[in-house]
Amino acid sequence: MNCARKLILLLPAAALLFLAAQSAPALAWEHSEAEEDWGPTCIARQGHRTGSIDIISSKGTFNPSLLISLPKYPGKTQDITVLLRVDRGNNIRVAGAINDYFGNIELKMSRDQLDSMIKGKRLHLAIEGGPTVTATLKGSSAALRAFLRCAGAG
């Protein structure tokens, strides 16, 4: 079977997987540690309908970034404005950019923002030129507290 035929046979399965991911419920928040190019890394993560939200920091060095994974990104790669809001709180304007290493939108996070996520119920991320991602924070407390301890801020 030639390559073109194999590709045509695979496309319907890929389309079904994409449609299933679109309607899948959000995954639980989880904490993990990984080895990246720069060394040990702390991660708090939740999958959402169209990708994932990851909070990462070097282990023992509190420098958290929030990475937003989407199926399609805004046309520009720098100076992407994201309005971050927890529950019905105020929108916080955060400057983001496409991260060269991960390829996702990256926002620098503060301890106050992480603390509000631990106490909150919903995270809203309105991305300039892109979608608004809403993620549940239900059950995030344990994963985010473990992340803070790992990153040296807990």
N, C-alpha and C. Protein backbone atom coordinates (compact mmCIF):
# COMPACT_ATOMS: atom_id res chain seq x y z
N MET A 1 0.85 -1.17 0.00
CA MET A 1 0.00 0.00 0.00
C MET A 1 0.90 1.23 0.00
N ASN A 2 0.60 2.20 -0.90
CA ASN A 2 1.45 3.38 -0.95
C ASN A 2 1.13 4.35 0.20
N CYS A 3 2.02 5.33 0.41
CA CYS A 3 1.90 6.26 1.53
C CYS A 3 0.62 7.08 1.47
N ALA A 4 0.20 7.50 0.27
CA ALA A 4 -1.01 8.30 0.14
C ALA A 4 -2.23 7.53 0.63
N ARG A 5 -2.33 6.24 0.30
CA ARG A 5 -3.45 5.42 0.75
C ARG A 5 -3.42 5.25 2.26
N LYS A 6 -2.26 5.04 2.83
CA LYS A 6 -2.15 4.88 4.29
C LYS A 6 -2.64 6.15 4.99
N LEU A 7 -2.26 7.32 4.46
CA LEU A 7 -2.66 8.58 5.05
C LEU A 7 -4.18 8.73 5.00
N ILE A 8 -4.79 8.41 3.88
CA ILE A 8 -6.24 8.51 3.74
C ILE A 8 -6.94 7.59 4.73
N LEU A 9 -6.42 6.41 4.95
CA LEU A 9 -7.03 5.48 5.89
C LEU A 9 -6.88 5.96 7.33
N LEU A 10 -5.82 6.67 7.65
CA LEU A 10 -5.59 7.15 9.01
C LEU A 10 -6.40 8.40 9.35
N LEU A 11 -6.72 9.22 8.36
CA LEU A 11 -7.40 10.48 8.64
C LEU A 11 -8.73 10.31 9.37
N PRO A 12 -9.62 9.39 8.99
CA PRO A 12 -10.88 9.28 9.74
C PRO A 12 -10.65 8.95 11.22
N ALA A 13 -9.68 8.11 11.55
CA ALA A 13 -9.41 7.78 12.95
C ALA A 13 -8.90 9.01 13.69
N ALA A 14 -8.05 9.79 13.07
CA ALA A 14 -7.54 11.01 13.71
C ALA A 14 -8.67 12.00 13.94
N ALA A 15 -9.58 12.13 12.97
CA ALA A 15 -10.71 13.04 13.13
C ALA A 15 -11.60 12.60 14.29
N LEU A 16 -11.83 11.30 14.43
CA LEU A 16 -12.64 10.80 15.55
C LEU A 16 -11.97 11.08 16.89
N LEU A 17 -10.65 10.91 16.96
CA LEU A 17 -9.93 11.21 18.21
C LEU A 17 -10.03 12.69 18.54
N PHE A 18 -9.92 13.57 17.53
CA PHE A 18 -10.03 15.01 17.77
C PHE A 18 -11.43 15.36 18.28
N LEU A 19 -12.46 14.81 17.67
CA LEU A 19 -13.83 15.08 18.11
C LEU A 19 -14.07 14.57 19.52
N ALA A 20 -13.52 13.42 19.86
CA ALA A 20 -13.68 12.88 21.21
C ALA A 20 -13.00 13.78 22.23
N ALA A 21 -11.83 14.33 21.88
CA ALA A 21 -11.10 15.21 22.79
C ALA A 21 -11.87 16.51 23.01
N GLN A 22 -12.56 17.01 21.96
CA GLN A 22 -13.32 18.24 22.09
C GLN A 22 -14.44 18.12 23.12
N SER A 23 -15.06 16.95 23.23
CA SER A 23 -16.20 16.80 24.13
C SER A 23 -15.82 16.13 25.45
N ALA A 24 -14.57 15.79 25.63
CA ALA A 24 -14.14 15.12 26.86
C ALA A 24 -14.14 16.10 28.03
N PRO A 25 -14.52 15.63 29.22
CA PRO A 25 -14.49 16.52 30.38
C PRO A 25 -13.06 16.85 30.77
N ALA A 26 -12.91 17.92 31.57
CA ALA A 26 -11.58 18.30 32.05
C ALA A 26 -11.01 17.19 32.91
N LEU A 27 -9.71 17.03 32.84
CA LEU A 27 -9.02 16.05 33.65
C LEU A 27 -8.72 16.63 35.02
N ALA A 28 -8.46 15.79 35.99
CA ALA A 28 -8.11 16.25 37.33
C ALA A 28 -6.75 16.94 37.31
N TRP A 29 -6.56 17.90 38.21
CA TRP A 29 -5.26 18.53 38.38
C TRP A 29 -4.30 17.52 38.96
N GLU A 30 -3.07 17.55 38.51
CA GLU A 30 -2.06 16.63 39.03
C GLU A 30 -0.72 17.35 39.17
N HIS A 31 0.08 16.87 40.09
CA HIS A 31 1.43 17.40 40.29
C HIS A 31 2.41 16.32 39.88
N SER A 32 3.49 16.73 39.23
CA SER A 32 4.54 15.78 38.88
C SER A 32 5.87 16.53 38.83
N GLU A 33 6.93 15.75 38.71
CA GLU A 33 8.26 16.30 38.53
C GLU A 33 8.86 15.65 37.29
N ALA A 34 9.64 16.43 36.56
CA ALA A 34 10.26 15.92 35.33
C ALA A 34 11.67 16.49 35.21
N GLU A 35 12.43 15.88 34.36
CA GLU A 35 13.78 16.37 34.06
C GLU A 35 13.71 17.07 32.70
N GLU A 36 13.97 18.37 32.70
CA GLU A 36 14.00 19.13 31.46
C GLU A 36 15.45 19.49 31.17
N ASP A 37 15.69 20.17 30.06
CA ASP A 37 17.05 20.55 29.67
C ASP A 37 17.77 21.35 30.75
N TRP A 38 17.03 22.17 31.50
CA TRP A 38 17.63 23.02 32.53
C TRP A 38 17.70 22.35 33.90
N GLY A 39 17.17 21.12 34.03
CA GLY A 39 17.26 20.40 35.30
C GLY A 39 15.89 19.98 35.82
N PRO A 40 15.84 19.58 37.10
CA PRO A 40 14.59 19.11 37.69
C PRO A 40 13.52 20.21 37.63
N THR A 41 12.31 19.81 37.27
CA THR A 41 11.21 20.74 37.05
C THR A 41 9.95 20.27 37.77
N CYS A 42 9.26 21.20 38.40
CA CYS A 42 7.99 20.95 39.08
C CYS A 42 6.86 21.32 38.13
N ILE A 43 5.80 20.51 38.12
CA ILE A 43 4.69 20.73 37.18
C ILE A 43 3.37 20.51 37.90
N ALA A 44 2.43 21.44 37.71
CA ALA A 44 1.02 21.23 38.08
C ALA A 44 0.27 21.33 36.77
N ARG A 45 -0.66 20.39 36.53
CA ARG A 45 -1.24 20.30 35.18
C ARG A 45 -2.70 19.90 35.24
N GLN A 46 -3.46 20.47 34.30
CA GLN A 46 -4.82 20.02 34.06
C GLN A 46 -5.10 20.05 32.57
N GLY A 47 -5.57 18.93 32.06
CA GLY A 47 -6.01 18.91 30.67
C GLY A 47 -7.36 19.60 30.58
N HIS A 48 -7.60 20.31 29.49
CA HIS A 48 -8.91 20.90 29.25
C HIS A 48 -9.41 20.42 27.90
N ARG A 49 -10.56 20.92 27.47
CA ARG A 49 -11.19 20.40 26.26
C ARG A 49 -10.29 20.40 25.04
N THR A 50 -9.43 21.37 24.91
CA THR A 50 -8.66 21.50 23.66
C THR A 50 -7.16 21.48 23.87
N GLY A 51 -6.67 21.11 25.03
CA GLY A 51 -5.23 21.09 25.27
C GLY A 51 -4.93 20.88 26.73
N SER A 52 -4.07 21.72 27.29
CA SER A 52 -3.75 21.60 28.71
C SER A 52 -3.28 22.93 29.27
N ILE A 53 -3.34 23.02 30.58
CA ILE A 53 -2.80 24.15 31.31
C ILE A 53 -1.72 23.57 32.22
N ASP A 54 -0.50 24.04 32.06
CA ASP A 54 0.62 23.56 32.87
C ASP A 54 1.24 24.74 33.60
N ILE A 55 1.56 24.53 34.87
CA ILE A 55 2.32 25.52 35.63
C ILE A 55 3.64 24.84 35.93
N ILE A 56 4.74 25.48 35.53
CA ILE A 56 6.05 24.87 35.69
C ILE A 56 7.00 25.81 36.42
N SER A 57 7.98 25.24 37.09
CA SER A 57 9.03 26.00 37.75
C SER A 57 10.22 25.07 37.95
N SER A 58 11.40 25.63 37.95
CA SER A 58 12.57 24.83 38.30
C SER A 58 12.43 24.40 39.75
N LYS A 59 12.83 23.18 40.04
CA LYS A 59 12.72 22.65 41.40
C LYS A 59 13.59 23.48 42.34
N GLY A 60 12.98 23.91 43.47
CA GLY A 60 13.70 24.67 44.47
C GLY A 60 13.92 26.13 44.15
N THR A 61 13.48 26.58 42.99
CA THR A 61 13.63 27.97 42.57
C THR A 61 12.26 28.46 42.11
N PHE A 62 11.61 29.28 42.93
CA PHE A 62 10.26 29.72 42.62
C PHE A 62 10.27 30.74 41.48
N ASN A 63 9.98 30.28 40.28
CA ASN A 63 9.88 31.13 39.08
C ASN A 63 8.80 30.56 38.16
N PRO A 64 7.54 30.53 38.65
CA PRO A 64 6.49 29.82 37.91
C PRO A 64 6.06 30.49 36.62
N SER A 65 5.79 29.66 35.64
CA SER A 65 5.20 30.08 34.37
C SER A 65 3.96 29.24 34.14
N LEU A 66 2.94 29.85 33.57
CA LEU A 66 1.74 29.14 33.18
C LEU A 66 1.82 28.94 31.68
N LEU A 67 1.71 27.71 31.23
CA LEU A 67 1.74 27.39 29.79
C LEU A 67 0.35 26.97 29.36
N ILE A 68 -0.15 27.59 28.30
CA ILE A 68 -1.48 27.28 27.78
C ILE A 68 -1.30 26.57 26.44
N SER A 69 -1.74 25.33 26.38
CA SER A 69 -1.67 24.54 25.15
C SER A 69 -3.01 24.64 24.43
N LEU A 70 -2.98 25.04 23.17
CA LEU A 70 -4.20 25.19 22.36
C LEU A 70 -4.00 24.50 21.02
N PRO A 71 -5.10 24.13 20.34
CA PRO A 71 -4.94 23.54 19.01
C PRO A 71 -4.52 24.58 17.96
N LYS A 72 -4.84 25.87 18.19
CA LYS A 72 -4.48 26.93 17.25
C LYS A 72 -4.10 28.17 18.06
N TYR A 73 -3.03 28.83 17.65
CA TYR A 73 -2.52 29.98 18.39
C TYR A 73 -2.77 31.27 17.64
N PRO A 74 -2.77 32.40 18.38
CA PRO A 74 -2.90 33.69 17.70
C PRO A 74 -1.78 33.86 16.69
N GLY A 75 -1.98 34.74 15.70
CA GLY A 75 -1.00 34.94 14.63
C GLY A 75 0.35 35.44 15.10
N LYS A 76 0.38 36.22 16.19
CA LYS A 76 1.66 36.75 16.64
C LYS A 76 2.27 35.85 17.71
N THR A 77 3.58 35.99 17.90
CA THR A 77 4.27 35.12 18.85
C THR A 77 4.75 35.87 20.09
N GLN A 78 4.78 37.20 20.05
CA GLN A 78 5.21 38.01 21.19
C GLN A 78 4.09 38.96 21.59
N ASP A 79 4.16 39.45 22.81
CA ASP A 79 3.19 40.42 23.31
C ASP A 79 1.74 39.97 23.12
N ILE A 80 1.45 38.78 23.56
CA ILE A 80 0.08 38.26 23.53
C ILE A 80 -0.55 38.60 24.88
N THR A 81 -1.60 39.40 24.85
CA THR A 81 -2.26 39.80 26.08
C THR A 81 -3.25 38.70 26.49
N VAL A 82 -3.17 38.30 27.74
CA VAL A 82 -4.09 37.33 28.30
C VAL A 82 -4.74 37.96 29.53
N LEU A 83 -6.07 37.91 29.59
CA LEU A 83 -6.77 38.35 30.79
C LEU A 83 -6.99 37.11 31.65
N LEU A 84 -6.39 37.11 32.82
CA LEU A 84 -6.46 35.98 33.75
C LEU A 84 -7.44 36.37 34.86
N ARG A 85 -8.40 35.49 35.16
CA ARG A 85 -9.36 35.76 36.22
C ARG A 85 -9.69 34.46 36.94
N VAL A 86 -9.74 34.54 38.25
CA VAL A 86 -10.18 33.41 39.06
C VAL A 86 -11.57 33.75 39.59
N ASP A 87 -12.51 32.84 39.37
CA ASP A 87 -13.91 33.02 39.78
C ASP A 87 -14.44 34.34 39.24
N ARG A 88 -15.05 35.14 40.09
CA ARG A 88 -15.62 36.43 39.66
C ARG A 88 -14.72 37.61 40.03
N GLY A 89 -13.45 37.31 40.25
CA GLY A 89 -12.49 38.35 40.62
C GLY A 89 -12.19 39.27 39.45
N ASN A 90 -11.28 40.18 39.68
CA ASN A 90 -10.87 41.13 38.65
C ASN A 90 -10.03 40.45 37.58
N ASN A 91 -10.19 40.91 36.35
CA ASN A 91 -9.31 40.46 35.28
C ASN A 91 -7.92 41.03 35.52
N ILE A 92 -6.92 40.20 35.41
CA ILE A 92 -5.53 40.63 35.53
C ILE A 92 -4.91 40.53 34.15
N ARG A 93 -4.44 41.64 33.62
CA ARG A 93 -3.82 41.67 32.29
C ARG A 93 -2.39 41.16 32.43
N VAL A 94 -2.07 40.09 31.70
CA VAL A 94 -0.75 39.49 31.76
C VAL A 94 -0.18 39.43 30.34
N ALA A 95 1.05 39.86 30.19
CA ALA A 95 1.71 39.79 28.88
C ALA A 95 2.31 38.40 28.71
N GLY A 96 1.99 37.76 27.61
CA GLY A 96 2.51 36.44 27.31
C GLY A 96 3.20 36.41 25.97
N ALA A 97 3.78 35.27 25.66
CA ALA A 97 4.45 35.06 24.38
C ALA A 97 4.49 33.56 24.12
N ILE A 98 4.72 33.18 22.88
CA ILE A 98 4.89 31.77 22.56
C ILE A 98 6.27 31.35 23.08
N ASN A 99 6.30 30.33 23.93
CA ASN A 99 7.55 29.82 24.50
C ASN A 99 8.31 29.04 23.43
N ASP A 100 9.58 29.38 23.23
CA ASP A 100 10.40 28.73 22.20
C ASP A 100 10.61 27.25 22.46
N TYR A 101 10.69 26.86 23.72
CA TYR A 101 11.00 25.47 24.07
C TYR A 101 9.75 24.58 23.97
N PHE A 102 8.64 25.02 24.57
CA PHE A 102 7.42 24.20 24.60
C PHE A 102 6.48 24.48 23.44
N GLY A 103 6.54 25.69 22.86
CA GLY A 103 5.64 26.04 21.77
C GLY A 103 4.25 26.45 22.23
N ASN A 104 4.07 26.70 23.52
CA ASN A 104 2.78 27.10 24.08
C ASN A 104 2.83 28.57 24.49
N ILE A 105 1.66 29.16 24.75
CA ILE A 105 1.64 30.51 25.30
C ILE A 105 2.15 30.44 26.73
N GLU A 106 3.11 31.31 27.06
CA GLU A 106 3.70 31.32 28.39
C GLU A 106 3.40 32.64 29.09
N LEU A 107 2.95 32.54 30.35
CA LEU A 107 2.71 33.70 31.19
C LEU A 107 3.51 33.51 32.47
N LYS A 108 4.14 34.57 32.95
CA LYS A 108 4.81 34.50 34.25
C LYS A 108 3.74 34.63 35.33
N MET A 109 3.86 33.82 36.38
CA MET A 109 2.86 33.79 37.46
C MET A 109 3.46 34.37 38.74
N SER A 110 2.60 34.91 39.58
CA SER A 110 3.02 35.39 40.90
C SER A 110 2.47 34.45 41.97
N ARG A 111 3.01 34.56 43.15
CA ARG A 111 2.52 33.75 44.28
C ARG A 111 1.06 34.09 44.57
N ASP A 112 0.69 35.38 44.50
CA ASP A 112 -0.71 35.77 44.74
C ASP A 112 -1.66 35.12 43.74
N GLN A 113 -1.25 35.05 42.48
CA GLN A 113 -2.11 34.41 41.47
C GLN A 113 -2.28 32.93 41.77
N LEU A 114 -1.20 32.26 42.16
CA LEU A 114 -1.29 30.84 42.50
C LEU A 114 -2.13 30.63 43.75
N ASP A 115 -1.99 31.50 44.75
CA ASP A 115 -2.81 31.39 45.95
C ASP A 115 -4.29 31.55 45.63
N SER A 116 -4.63 32.50 44.73
CA SER A 116 -6.04 32.67 44.36
C SER A 116 -6.56 31.44 43.61
N MET A 117 -5.70 30.78 42.84
CA MET A 117 -6.11 29.55 42.16
C MET A 117 -6.38 28.44 43.17
N ILE A 118 -5.56 28.35 44.22
CA ILE A 118 -5.76 27.32 45.25
C ILE A 118 -7.11 27.49 45.92
N LYS A 119 -7.53 28.73 46.13
CA LYS A 119 -8.80 29.02 46.82
C LYS A 119 -9.99 29.05 45.87
N GLY A 120 -9.73 29.15 44.55
CA GLY A 120 -10.80 29.38 43.59
C GLY A 120 -11.50 28.13 43.09
N LYS A 121 -12.51 28.39 42.26
CA LYS A 121 -13.30 27.31 41.66
C LYS A 121 -13.14 27.23 40.14
N ARG A 122 -12.92 28.40 39.48
CA ARG A 122 -12.78 28.43 38.02
C ARG A 122 -11.66 29.38 37.63
N LEU A 123 -10.91 28.98 36.63
CA LEU A 123 -9.85 29.81 36.05
C LEU A 123 -10.29 30.18 34.64
N HIS A 124 -10.28 31.49 34.36
CA HIS A 124 -10.66 31.99 33.04
C HIS A 124 -9.43 32.65 32.41
N LEU A 125 -9.11 32.27 31.19
CA LEU A 125 -7.98 32.83 30.47
C LEU A 125 -8.49 33.31 29.11
N ALA A 126 -8.65 34.62 28.96
CA ALA A 126 -9.11 35.21 27.69
C ALA A 126 -7.87 35.61 26.91
N ILE A 127 -7.64 34.93 25.79
CA ILE A 127 -6.42 35.10 25.01
C ILE A 127 -6.69 36.04 23.84
N GLU A 128 -5.91 37.12 23.76
CA GLU A 128 -6.04 38.08 22.67
C GLU A 128 -5.86 37.36 21.33
N GLY A 129 -6.84 37.52 20.45
CA GLY A 129 -6.76 36.90 19.13
C GLY A 129 -7.01 35.41 19.17
N GLY A 130 -7.46 34.88 20.30
CA GLY A 130 -7.70 33.45 20.43
C GLY A 130 -8.92 33.19 21.30
N PRO A 131 -9.06 31.99 21.77
CA PRO A 131 -10.23 31.62 22.55
C PRO A 131 -10.11 32.05 24.02
N THR A 132 -11.21 31.88 24.74
CA THR A 132 -11.19 31.98 26.19
C THR A 132 -11.21 30.55 26.72
N VAL A 133 -10.25 30.23 27.54
CA VAL A 133 -10.16 28.90 28.14
C VAL A 133 -10.66 29.01 29.57
N THR A 134 -11.63 28.18 29.92
CA THR A 134 -12.13 28.13 31.29
C THR A 134 -11.83 26.74 31.83
N ALA A 135 -11.14 26.70 32.95
CA ALA A 135 -10.77 25.41 33.54
C ALA A 135 -11.28 25.36 34.98
N THR A 136 -11.68 24.20 35.39
CA THR A 136 -12.09 24.03 36.78
C THR A 136 -10.86 24.01 37.68
N LEU A 137 -11.02 24.60 38.84
CA LEU A 137 -9.97 24.53 39.86
C LEU A 137 -10.37 23.57 40.97
N LYS A 138 -11.53 22.93 40.79
CA LYS A 138 -11.99 21.93 41.76
C LYS A 138 -10.94 20.82 41.85
N GLY A 139 -10.50 20.55 43.05
CA GLY A 139 -9.50 19.50 43.25
C GLY A 139 -8.08 19.93 42.94
N SER A 140 -7.86 21.23 42.68
CA SER A 140 -6.51 21.69 42.32
C SER A 140 -5.63 21.95 43.53
N SER A 141 -6.23 22.12 44.68
CA SER A 141 -5.50 22.55 45.88
C SER A 141 -4.30 21.65 46.19
N ALA A 142 -4.50 20.35 46.23
CA ALA A 142 -3.40 19.43 46.57
C ALA A 142 -2.28 19.51 45.54
N ALA A 143 -2.62 19.53 44.26
CA ALA A 143 -1.60 19.58 43.20
C ALA A 143 -0.85 20.91 43.24
N LEU A 144 -1.55 22.02 43.45
CA LEU A 144 -0.89 23.32 43.47
C LEU A 144 -0.04 23.50 44.72
N ARG A 145 -0.50 22.99 45.86
CA ARG A 145 0.32 23.06 47.08
C ARG A 145 1.58 22.21 46.94
N ALA A 146 1.45 21.03 46.34
CA ALA A 146 2.62 20.17 46.10
C ALA A 146 3.59 20.87 45.13
N PHE A 147 3.04 21.55 44.13
CA PHE A 147 3.87 22.32 43.20
C PHE A 147 4.65 23.40 43.95
N LEU A 148 3.97 24.14 44.82
CA LEU A 148 4.62 25.21 45.58
C LEU A 148 5.75 24.66 46.46
N ARG A 149 5.51 23.52 47.11
CA ARG A 149 6.56 22.90 47.94
C ARG A 149 7.75 22.49 47.07
N CYS A 150 7.48 21.89 45.94
CA CYS A 150 8.53 21.44 45.02
C CYS A 150 9.36 22.62 44.53
N ALA A 151 8.67 23.72 44.22
CA ALA A 151 9.34 24.90 43.66
C ALA A 151 10.02 25.75 44.73
N GLY A 152 9.88 25.35 45.99
CA GLY A 152 10.56 26.08 47.05
C GLY A 152 9.79 27.25 47.61
N ALA A 153 8.47 27.27 47.38
CA ALA A 153 7.66 28.40 47.89
C ALA A 153 6.56 27.92 48.83
N GLY A 154 6.60 26.66 49.22
CA GLY A 154 5.50 26.12 50.02
C GLY A 154 5.68 26.04 51.46
